[in-house]
N, C-alpha and C. Protein backbone atom coordinates (compact mmCIF):
# COMPACT_ATOMS: atom_id res chain seq x y z
N MET A 1 -2.27 -2.67 8.10
CA MET A 1 -0.65 -2.65 7.83
C MET A 1 0.13 -3.32 8.88
N VAL A 2 -0.46 -3.71 9.86
CA VAL A 2 0.28 -4.05 11.00
C VAL A 2 1.03 -5.34 10.53
N PHE A 3 0.61 -6.17 9.57
CA PHE A 3 1.44 -7.25 8.97
C PHE A 3 2.42 -6.89 7.99
N ALA A 4 2.74 -5.79 7.90
CA ALA A 4 3.73 -5.20 6.89
C ALA A 4 5.35 -6.05 7.12
N ARG A 5 5.66 -6.68 5.90
CA ARG A 5 7.09 -7.01 6.33
C ARG A 5 8.23 -6.02 6.21
N HIS A 6 8.04 -5.32 4.69
CA HIS A 6 8.69 -3.99 4.56
C HIS A 6 8.23 -2.86 4.52
N VAL A 7 8.63 -1.82 4.72
CA VAL A 7 8.59 -0.32 4.64
C VAL A 7 9.49 0.40 3.90
N PHE A 8 9.19 1.00 2.71
CA PHE A 8 10.08 1.70 2.22
C PHE A 8 9.74 3.39 2.16
N ARG A 9 10.71 4.40 2.09
CA ARG A 9 10.13 5.66 2.38
C ARG A 9 10.87 6.21 0.73
N GLY A 10 9.61 7.01 0.04
CA GLY A 10 10.05 7.89 -0.99
C GLY A 10 9.67 6.56 -2.21
N LEU A 11 9.24 7.60 -3.33
CA LEU A 11 8.99 6.69 -4.50
C LEU A 11 10.21 7.09 -5.34
N GLU A 12 10.42 5.96 -6.61
CA GLU A 12 11.30 6.27 -7.61
C GLU A 12 11.10 6.95 -8.75
N ARG A 13 9.97 8.32 -8.36
CA ARG A 13 9.82 8.86 -9.49
C ARG A 13 9.55 10.24 -8.63
N PRO A 14 9.27 11.38 -9.70
CA PRO A 14 9.03 12.61 -8.99
C PRO A 14 7.34 12.74 -8.67
N LEU A 15 7.17 13.61 -7.74
CA LEU A 15 5.52 13.67 -7.18
C LEU A 15 5.50 15.06 -6.82
N ASN A 16 4.41 15.66 -7.16
CA ASN A 16 4.10 16.97 -6.97
C ASN A 16 2.58 16.79 -6.32
N HIS A 17 2.55 17.40 -4.92
CA HIS A 17 1.34 17.41 -4.68
C HIS A 17 0.87 18.71 -3.69
N ALA A 18 -0.13 19.46 -4.01
CA ALA A 18 -0.26 20.25 -3.20
C ALA A 18 0.77 21.42 -2.91
N ASP A 19 1.49 21.63 -3.95
CA ASP A 19 2.63 22.57 -4.55
C ASP A 19 4.02 22.16 -3.78
N ASN A 20 3.82 20.80 -3.01
CA ASN A 20 4.98 20.09 -2.76
C ASN A 20 5.72 19.39 -3.72
N MET A 21 6.95 20.00 -4.48
CA MET A 21 7.50 19.49 -5.37
C MET A 21 8.47 18.03 -5.05
N ASN A 22 8.45 17.99 -3.81
CA ASN A 22 9.35 16.66 -3.23
C ASN A 22 8.44 15.98 -2.40
N ALA A 23 6.97 15.85 -2.99
CA ALA A 23 6.15 15.00 -2.41
C ALA A 23 6.24 13.26 -2.24
N ASP A 24 7.08 13.22 -3.13
CA ASP A 24 7.44 11.36 -3.12
C ASP A 24 8.32 11.14 -1.83
N ARG A 25 9.11 12.14 -1.43
CA ARG A 25 9.50 11.66 -0.33
C ARG A 25 8.77 11.51 1.04
N ASP A 26 7.65 11.96 0.91
CA ASP A 26 6.40 11.83 1.94
C ASP A 26 5.54 10.73 1.80
N VAL A 27 6.13 9.63 1.05
CA VAL A 27 5.39 8.35 0.55
C VAL A 27 5.82 7.13 1.18
N PHE A 28 5.26 6.47 1.75
CA PHE A 28 5.79 5.24 2.55
C PHE A 28 5.03 4.22 2.03
N VAL A 29 5.93 3.07 1.51
CA VAL A 29 5.29 1.79 0.67
C VAL A 29 5.65 0.79 1.39
N TYR A 30 4.57 0.21 2.10
CA TYR A 30 4.16 -1.10 3.22
C TYR A 30 3.82 -2.24 2.18
N THR A 31 4.81 -3.10 2.35
CA THR A 31 4.58 -4.48 1.79
C THR A 31 4.45 -5.85 2.60
N TRP A 32 3.84 -6.65 2.22
CA TRP A 32 3.86 -8.12 2.67
C TRP A 32 3.07 -9.11 1.80
N ARG A 33 3.34 -10.07 2.26
CA ARG A 33 2.73 -11.44 1.39
C ARG A 33 1.38 -11.61 2.07
N SER A 34 0.31 -11.46 1.78
CA SER A 34 -1.06 -11.74 2.47
C SER A 34 -1.49 -13.27 1.91
N GLU A 35 -1.91 -14.10 2.96
CA GLU A 35 -2.33 -15.48 3.02
C GLU A 35 -3.70 -15.15 2.32
N THR A 36 -4.35 -14.19 2.02
CA THR A 36 -5.87 -14.07 1.59
C THR A 36 -5.98 -13.00 0.87
N ASP A 37 -6.65 -13.08 -0.21
CA ASP A 37 -7.22 -12.09 -1.26
C ASP A 37 -8.67 -11.87 -0.80
N TYR A 38 -9.33 -10.90 -1.19
CA TYR A 38 -10.65 -10.71 -1.20
C TYR A 38 -11.10 -9.83 -2.73
N GLU A 39 -12.23 -10.16 -3.22
CA GLU A 39 -12.91 -9.81 -4.07
C GLU A 39 -14.46 -8.97 -3.90
N TRP A 40 -14.81 -8.02 -4.12
CA TRP A 40 -16.14 -7.48 -4.02
C TRP A 40 -16.99 -8.10 -5.23
N VAL A 41 -18.03 -8.36 -4.88
CA VAL A 41 -18.74 -9.04 -5.98
C VAL A 41 -20.06 -8.62 -5.74
N GLY A 42 -20.78 -8.30 -7.15
CA GLY A 42 -22.25 -7.60 -6.95
C GLY A 42 -22.28 -5.95 -6.76
N SER A 43 -23.13 -5.45 -6.36
CA SER A 43 -23.32 -3.76 -6.63
C SER A 43 -22.47 -3.41 -5.21
N PRO A 44 -22.32 -2.03 -5.52
CA PRO A 44 -21.70 -1.62 -4.18
C PRO A 44 -22.82 -1.60 -3.24
N PHE A 45 -23.77 -1.50 -3.32
CA PHE A 45 -24.84 -1.62 -2.19
C PHE A 45 -25.00 -3.01 -1.58
N ASP A 46 -25.38 -3.93 -2.41
CA ASP A 46 -25.67 -5.14 -2.01
C ASP A 46 -24.84 -6.27 -2.45
N GLY A 47 -23.77 -6.31 -2.41
CA GLY A 47 -22.40 -7.12 -2.97
C GLY A 47 -21.73 -7.49 -1.79
N ARG A 48 -20.99 -8.76 -1.85
CA ARG A 48 -20.46 -9.41 -0.66
C ARG A 48 -19.17 -9.54 -1.11
N LEU A 49 -18.14 -10.02 -0.29
CA LEU A 49 -16.47 -10.30 -0.23
C LEU A 49 -16.97 -11.87 -0.73
N VAL A 50 -15.77 -12.18 -1.70
CA VAL A 50 -15.58 -13.52 -1.88
C VAL A 50 -14.12 -13.90 -1.60
N GLU A 51 -13.66 -14.69 -0.91
CA GLU A 51 -12.31 -14.88 -0.59
C GLU A 51 -11.48 -15.55 -1.70
N ARG A 52 -10.18 -15.19 -2.48
CA ARG A 52 -9.63 -15.64 -3.52
C ARG A 52 -8.17 -16.22 -2.87
N THR A 53 -7.66 -16.78 -3.71
CA THR A 53 -6.19 -16.83 -3.28
C THR A 53 -5.38 -15.94 -4.05
N PRO A 54 -4.34 -15.28 -3.15
CA PRO A 54 -3.76 -14.43 -3.64
C PRO A 54 -2.77 -14.93 -4.79
N PRO A 55 -2.38 -13.87 -5.64
CA PRO A 55 -1.72 -14.09 -6.94
C PRO A 55 -0.51 -14.66 -6.36
N SER A 56 0.31 -15.73 -7.31
CA SER A 56 1.62 -16.32 -7.12
C SER A 56 2.68 -15.25 -7.49
N GLY A 57 3.54 -14.90 -6.63
CA GLY A 57 4.77 -14.47 -7.09
C GLY A 57 4.84 -13.00 -6.94
N ARG A 58 3.41 -12.64 -6.04
CA ARG A 58 3.15 -11.10 -5.72
C ARG A 58 3.20 -10.77 -4.37
N VAL A 59 3.17 -9.59 -4.06
CA VAL A 59 3.15 -9.06 -2.51
C VAL A 59 2.09 -7.96 -2.88
N PHE A 60 1.76 -7.83 -1.74
CA PHE A 60 0.61 -6.62 -1.55
C PHE A 60 1.17 -5.37 -1.17
N VAL A 61 1.05 -4.25 -1.80
CA VAL A 61 1.54 -2.81 -1.14
C VAL A 61 0.48 -2.08 -1.06
N VAL A 62 0.74 -0.96 0.01
CA VAL A 62 -0.01 0.09 0.15
C VAL A 62 0.93 1.22 0.10
N LEU A 63 0.56 2.22 -0.66
CA LEU A 63 1.22 3.39 -0.62
C LEU A 63 0.47 4.62 0.38
N VAL A 64 1.30 5.01 1.28
CA VAL A 64 0.68 6.18 2.13
C VAL A 64 1.33 7.39 2.43
N ARG A 65 0.37 8.27 2.40
CA ARG A 65 1.37 9.86 1.96
C ARG A 65 1.09 10.45 3.25
N GLU A 66 2.16 10.80 3.88
CA GLU A 66 2.39 11.23 5.48
C GLU A 66 1.63 12.56 5.15
N GLU A 67 1.16 13.19 6.12
CA GLU A 67 0.64 14.56 6.21
C GLU A 67 1.00 15.03 7.59
N ALA A 68 1.03 16.23 7.52
CA ALA A 68 1.40 17.10 8.71
C ALA A 68 -0.11 17.35 9.55
N ALA A 69 -0.11 17.12 10.85
CA ALA A 69 -1.04 17.58 11.75
C ALA A 69 -0.96 18.99 12.42
N ALA A 70 -1.95 19.68 12.60
CA ALA A 70 -1.61 20.80 13.38
C ALA A 70 -1.33 20.73 14.75
N ASP A 71 -1.58 19.28 15.29
CA ASP A 71 -1.33 19.30 17.08
C ASP A 71 0.28 18.73 16.84
N GLY A 72 0.96 18.28 15.72
CA GLY A 72 2.26 17.78 15.74
C GLY A 72 2.30 16.26 15.71
N ASP A 73 1.11 15.66 15.33
CA ASP A 73 0.74 14.22 15.59
C ASP A 73 1.21 13.89 13.93
N VAL A 74 1.34 12.40 13.80
CA VAL A 74 1.87 12.25 12.48
C VAL A 74 0.72 11.42 11.82
N PHE A 75 0.13 11.67 10.78
CA PHE A 75 -1.23 10.92 10.26
C PHE A 75 -0.99 11.12 8.38
N GLY A 76 -1.39 9.95 8.03
CA GLY A 76 -1.49 9.93 6.43
C GLY A 76 -2.97 9.57 5.89
N SER A 77 -2.76 9.55 4.39
CA SER A 77 -3.78 9.05 3.62
C SER A 77 -3.17 7.90 2.99
N ILE A 78 -4.18 6.74 2.62
CA ILE A 78 -4.04 5.92 1.74
C ILE A 78 -3.89 6.19 0.26
N GLU A 79 -3.04 6.46 -0.49
CA GLU A 79 -3.23 6.69 -1.86
C GLU A 79 -3.69 5.67 -2.79
N ARG A 80 -2.97 4.26 -2.63
CA ARG A 80 -3.28 3.44 -3.69
C ARG A 80 -2.93 2.13 -2.78
N TRP A 81 -3.54 0.92 -3.24
CA TRP A 81 -2.95 -0.36 -2.79
C TRP A 81 -3.29 -1.34 -3.93
N ASN A 82 -2.48 -2.57 -4.20
CA ASN A 82 -2.51 -3.29 -5.37
C ASN A 82 -1.34 -4.27 -4.85
N TRP A 83 -1.32 -5.38 -5.71
CA TRP A 83 -0.60 -6.58 -6.09
C TRP A 83 0.42 -6.09 -6.86
N VAL A 84 1.80 -6.30 -6.49
CA VAL A 84 2.95 -6.20 -7.46
C VAL A 84 4.10 -6.97 -7.65
N ARG A 85 4.58 -7.43 -8.57
CA ARG A 85 5.75 -8.56 -8.53
C ARG A 85 6.73 -8.64 -7.38
N GLU A 86 6.75 -9.73 -6.94
CA GLU A 86 7.81 -9.56 -5.70
C GLU A 86 9.37 -9.54 -6.22
N ASP A 87 10.07 -8.58 -5.54
CA ASP A 87 11.72 -8.51 -5.89
C ASP A 87 12.01 -9.82 -5.18
N PRO A 88 13.18 -10.66 -6.09
CA PRO A 88 13.72 -11.61 -5.54
C PRO A 88 14.52 -11.35 -4.60
N GLY A 89 15.25 -9.96 -4.36
CA GLY A 89 16.21 -9.51 -3.16
C GLY A 89 15.49 -9.29 -2.17
N PHE A 90 13.93 -9.32 -1.92
CA PHE A 90 13.21 -8.89 -0.87
C PHE A 90 12.25 -10.13 -0.72
N ARG A 91 12.77 -11.27 -1.00
CA ARG A 91 11.87 -12.31 -0.54
C ARG A 91 11.03 -12.19 0.96
N MET A 92 9.83 -12.67 0.92
CA MET A 92 9.33 -12.70 2.06
C MET A 92 8.70 -13.89 2.52
N ARG A 93 8.63 -14.39 3.75
CA ARG A 93 8.32 -15.42 4.17
C ARG A 93 7.06 -15.35 4.79
N GLN A 94 6.25 -16.52 4.48
CA GLN A 94 5.03 -16.44 5.20
C GLN A 94 4.99 -16.99 6.62
């Protein structure tokens, strides 16, 4: 996610997770336009990556849920990743 062009905090919908009724505030959405895409072809055990052209007019997003660490560090878990339609108000340059 070092290539992220934008990062947004929070979701535009409520999220309850582990008794946290405001878990939507703990989600970060990282976005960027990737120059490549990959698809796993074959079985989970003997498949291979095939390079693909990224979908036109789409950006790659990764949703990360921030989690509290016992030692005060910050870490999180990746909850979802996918391609979404690019918002014209946040056009990304390659």
